[in-house]
Amino acid sequence: MATKANIKIKDFSDTDIWTVRQTLDERWGKDKIELQMADVDVRLRSNDRELSTCPAIFWEYQESNFIIFKIGRSTYKTQFYYKGHDQYGTSVPSFDNVLDCIVTVLQVHADLERNKSQQNE
């Protein structure tokens, strides 16, 4: 059984949250997305046996769910999913700023949506 690591990661800064909000407003329209703040238990690295509690920003758009984890002072990970078993990452292990993180996950999502719609034609 995994135990929690003794690592305390500070919450997202106001600047981080503003950056996420502005990027989502530009992508899908002002005030269409509700951000939810959470704490989640994650493995900071894939080979970690212990879980660490990290702050996260979560939002939904149509049938997609997105999450950004803050895994260090200025280090972020992200993924999106449709259902619990249908998860997608960015193939980037971590980002050193939240803007690159959110732009990349939105691009991966857009590419996947485009590919899905082309397959359905």
C-alpha atoms as a PDB file:
ATOM      1  CA  MET A   1       0.000   0.000   0.000  1.00  0.00           C
ATOM      2  CA  ALA A   2       1.330   3.425  -0.941  1.00  0.00           C
ATOM      3  CA  THR A   3       1.805   6.047   1.736  1.00  0.00           C
ATOM      4  CA  LYS A   4       1.870   9.780   1.361  1.00  0.00           C
ATOM      5  CA  ALA A   5       5.267  11.391   0.946  1.00  0.00           C
ATOM      6  CA  ASN A   6       6.181  14.244   3.285  1.00  0.00           C
ATOM      7  CA  ILE A   7       6.259  16.799   0.495  1.00  0.00           C
ATOM      8  CA  LYS A   8       4.110  19.947   0.722  1.00  0.00           C
ATOM      9  CA  ILE A   9       3.534  21.697  -2.576  1.00  0.00           C
ATOM     10  CA  LYS A  10       2.153  25.222  -2.422  1.00  0.00           C
ATOM     11  CA  ASP A  11      -1.160  26.043  -4.064  1.00  0.00           C
ATOM     12  CA  PHE A  12      -1.391  27.595  -7.508  1.00  0.00           C
ATOM     13  CA  SER A  13      -0.514  31.270  -7.464  1.00  0.00           C
ATOM     14  CA  ASP A  14      -3.034  33.926  -8.468  1.00  0.00           C
ATOM     15  CA  THR A  15      -0.927  34.415 -11.615  1.00  0.00           C
ATOM     16  CA  ASP A  16      -1.157  30.685 -12.455  1.00  0.00           C
ATOM     17  CA  ILE A  17      -4.938  30.738 -12.058  1.00  0.00           C
ATOM     18  CA  TRP A  18      -5.227  33.941 -14.109  1.00  0.00           C
ATOM     19  CA  THR A  19      -3.114  32.360 -16.880  1.00  0.00           C
ATOM     20  CA  VAL A  20      -5.321  29.260 -16.989  1.00  0.00           C
ATOM     21  CA  ARG A  21      -8.501  31.364 -16.942  1.00  0.00           C
ATOM     22  CA  GLN A  22      -7.289  33.686 -19.742  1.00  0.00           C
ATOM     23  CA  THR A  23      -6.170  30.760 -21.909  1.00  0.00           C
ATOM     24  CA  LEU A  24      -9.509  28.976 -21.528  1.00  0.00           C
ATOM     25  CA  ASP A  25     -11.410  32.205 -22.212  1.00  0.00           C
ATOM     26  CA  GLU A  26      -9.424  32.630 -25.434  1.00  0.00           C
ATOM     27  CA  ARG A  27     -10.009  29.011 -26.437  1.00  0.00           C
ATOM     28  CA  TRP A  28     -13.708  28.572 -25.672  1.00  0.00           C
ATOM     29  CA  GLY A  29     -15.080  32.008 -24.848  1.00  0.00           C
ATOM     30  CA  LYS A  30     -15.163  34.210 -21.791  1.00  0.00           C
ATOM     31  CA  ASP A  31     -16.646  32.682 -18.639  1.00  0.00           C
ATOM     32  CA  LYS A  32     -17.741  29.430 -20.330  1.00  0.00           C
ATOM     33  CA  ILE A  33     -15.496  27.249 -18.180  1.00  0.00           C
ATOM     34  CA  GLU A  34     -15.750  26.873 -14.420  1.00  0.00           C
ATOM     35  CA  LEU A  35     -12.422  26.148 -12.749  1.00  0.00           C
ATOM     36  CA  GLN A  36     -12.396  23.904  -9.714  1.00  0.00           C
ATOM     37  CA  MET A  37      -9.508  23.784  -7.282  1.00  0.00           C
ATOM     38  CA  ALA A  38      -8.660  20.467  -5.637  1.00  0.00           C
ATOM     39  CA  ASP A  39      -5.983  18.523  -3.827  1.00  0.00           C
ATOM     40  CA  VAL A  40      -5.119  15.156  -5.360  1.00  0.00           C
ATOM     41  CA  ASP A  41      -2.816  12.316  -4.395  1.00  0.00           C
ATOM     42  CA  VAL A  42      -0.402  11.455  -7.206  1.00  0.00           C
ATOM     43  CA  ARG A  43       2.937   9.850  -7.802  1.00  0.00           C
ATOM     44  CA  LEU A  44       5.320  12.687  -8.603  1.00  0.00           C
ATOM     45  CA  ARG A  45       7.418  10.364 -10.754  1.00  0.00           C
ATOM     46  CA  SER A  46       6.296   7.123 -12.368  1.00  0.00           C
ATOM     47  CA  ASN A  47       8.688   5.040 -10.256  1.00  0.00           C
ATOM     48  CA  ASP A  48       7.575   6.590  -6.926  1.00  0.00           C
ATOM     49  CA  ARG A  49       5.966   4.181  -4.500  1.00  0.00           C
ATOM     50  CA  GLU A  50       4.568   6.917  -2.295  1.00  0.00           C
ATOM     51  CA  LEU A  51       1.816   9.364  -3.117  1.00  0.00           C
ATOM     52  CA  SER A  52       2.125  13.103  -2.634  1.00  0.00           C
ATOM     53  CA  THR A  53      -0.755  15.511  -2.188  1.00  0.00           C
ATOM     54  CA  CYS A  54      -0.655  18.148  -4.913  1.00  0.00           C
ATOM     55  CA  PRO A  55      -2.871  21.085  -5.796  1.00  0.00           C
ATOM     56  CA  ALA A  56      -4.829  20.705  -9.010  1.00  0.00           C
ATOM     57  CA  ILE A  57      -7.032  22.758 -11.306  1.00  0.00           C
ATOM     58  CA  PHE A  58      -9.897  20.845 -12.898  1.00  0.00           C
ATOM     59  CA  TRP A  59     -12.412  21.842 -15.567  1.00  0.00           C
ATOM     60  CA  GLU A  60     -14.849  20.251 -17.971  1.00  0.00           C
ATOM     61  CA  TYR A  61     -15.654  21.086 -21.552  1.00  0.00           C
ATOM     62  CA  GLN A  62     -18.421  19.193 -23.294  1.00  0.00           C
ATOM     63  CA  GLU A  63     -17.552  15.529 -22.604  1.00  0.00           C
ATOM     64  CA  SER A  64     -13.887  16.167 -21.815  1.00  0.00           C
ATOM     65  CA  ASN A  65     -12.373  16.569 -18.350  1.00  0.00           C
ATOM     66  CA  PHE A  66      -9.040  18.329 -17.870  1.00  0.00           C
ATOM     67  CA  ILE A  67      -6.673  18.528 -14.938  1.00  0.00           C
ATOM     68  CA  ILE A  68      -3.417  20.330 -14.254  1.00  0.00           C
ATOM     69  CA  PHE A  69      -1.365  19.099 -11.300  1.00  0.00           C
ATOM     70  CA  LYS A  70       1.177  21.338  -9.623  1.00  0.00           C
ATOM     71  CA  ILE A  71       3.966  18.899  -8.753  1.00  0.00           C
ATOM     72  CA  GLY A  72       6.657  21.361  -7.650  1.00  0.00           C
ATOM     73  CA  ARG A  73       7.299  25.023  -6.975  1.00  0.00           C
ATOM     74  CA  SER A  74       6.921  25.808 -10.681  1.00  0.00           C
ATOM     75  CA  THR A  75       6.447  22.356 -12.193  1.00  0.00           C
ATOM     76  CA  TYR A  76       3.201  21.079 -13.700  1.00  0.00           C
ATOM     77  CA  LYS A  77       1.721  17.940 -15.252  1.00  0.00           C
ATOM     78  CA  THR A  78      -1.530  17.631 -17.149  1.00  0.00           C
ATOM     79  CA  GLN A  79      -3.947  15.194 -18.711  1.00  0.00           C
ATOM     80  CA  PHE A  80      -7.488  14.985 -19.987  1.00  0.00           C
ATOM     81  CA  TYR A  81      -9.976  12.192 -20.099  1.00  0.00           C
ATOM     82  CA  TYR A  82     -13.398  11.290 -21.374  1.00  0.00           C
ATOM     83  CA  LYS A  83     -14.115   8.412 -19.023  1.00  0.00           C
ATOM     84  CA  GLY A  84     -12.006   6.987 -16.232  1.00  0.00           C
ATOM     85  CA  HIS A  85     -10.228   4.516 -18.505  1.00  0.00           C
ATOM     86  CA  ASP A  86      -9.989   6.817 -21.532  1.00  0.00           C
ATOM     87  CA  GLN A  87      -7.112   9.093 -20.406  1.00  0.00           C
ATOM     88  CA  TYR A  88      -4.654  11.130 -22.457  1.00  0.00           C
ATOM     89  CA  GLY A  89      -1.460  12.946 -21.579  1.00  0.00           C
ATOM     90  CA  THR A  90       0.838  15.170 -23.561  1.00  0.00           C
ATOM     91  CA  SER A  91       3.905  12.866 -23.696  1.00  0.00           C
ATOM     92  CA  VAL A  92       5.787  15.673 -21.914  1.00  0.00           C
ATOM     93  CA  PRO A  93       6.804  14.461 -18.430  1.00  0.00           C
ATOM     94  CA  SER A  94       6.423  17.917 -16.862  1.00  0.00           C
ATOM     95  CA  PHE A  95       6.321  21.615 -17.690  1.00  0.00           C
ATOM     96  CA  ASP A  96       8.198  24.442 -16.005  1.00  0.00           C
ATOM     97  CA  ASN A  97       5.378  26.950 -16.500  1.00  0.00           C
ATOM     98  CA  VAL A  98       1.617  26.690 -16.462  1.00  0.00           C
ATOM     99  CA  LEU A  99       1.136  28.439 -19.832  1.00  0.00           C
ATOM    100  CA  ASP A 100       3.104  25.811 -21.768  1.00  0.00           C
ATOM    101  CA  CYS A 101       1.247  23.140 -19.812  1.00  0.00           C
ATOM    102  CA  ILE A 102      -2.255  24.352 -20.648  1.00  0.00           C
ATOM    103  CA  VAL A 103      -1.482  25.272 -24.259  1.00  0.00           C
ATOM    104  CA  THR A 104      -0.012  21.815 -24.859  1.00  0.00           C
ATOM    105  CA  VAL A 105      -2.928  19.911 -23.330  1.00  0.00           C
ATOM    106  CA  LEU A 106      -5.423  22.005 -25.304  1.00  0.00           C
ATOM    107  CA  GLN A 107      -3.491  21.309 -28.517  1.00  0.00           C
ATOM    108  CA  VAL A 108      -3.338  17.554 -27.851  1.00  0.00           C
ATOM    109  CA  HIS A 109      -7.072  17.586 -27.123  1.00  0.00           C
ATOM    110  CA  ALA A 110      -7.846  19.549 -30.313  1.00  0.00           C
ATOM    111  CA  ASP A 111      -5.703  17.173 -32.388  1.00  0.00           C
ATOM    112  CA  LEU A 112      -7.451  14.129 -30.911  1.00  0.00           C
ATOM    113  CA  GLU A 113     -10.899  15.642 -31.490  1.00  0.00           C
ATOM    114  CA  ARG A 114      -9.987  16.451 -35.101  1.00  0.00           C
ATOM    115  CA  ASN A 115      -8.708  12.908 -35.682  1.00  0.00           C
ATOM    116  CA  LYS A 116     -11.868  11.425 -34.150  1.00  0.00           C
ATOM    117  CA  SER A 117     -14.118  13.559 -36.337  1.00  0.00           C
ATOM    118  CA  GLN A 118     -12.136  12.626 -39.480  1.00  0.00           C
ATOM    119  CA  GLN A 119     -12.496   8.919 -38.641  1.00  0.00           C
ATOM    120  CA  ASN A 120     -16.251   9.359 -38.292  1.00  0.00           C
ATOM    121  CA  GLU A 121     -16.621  10.953 -41.753  1.00  0.00           C
END
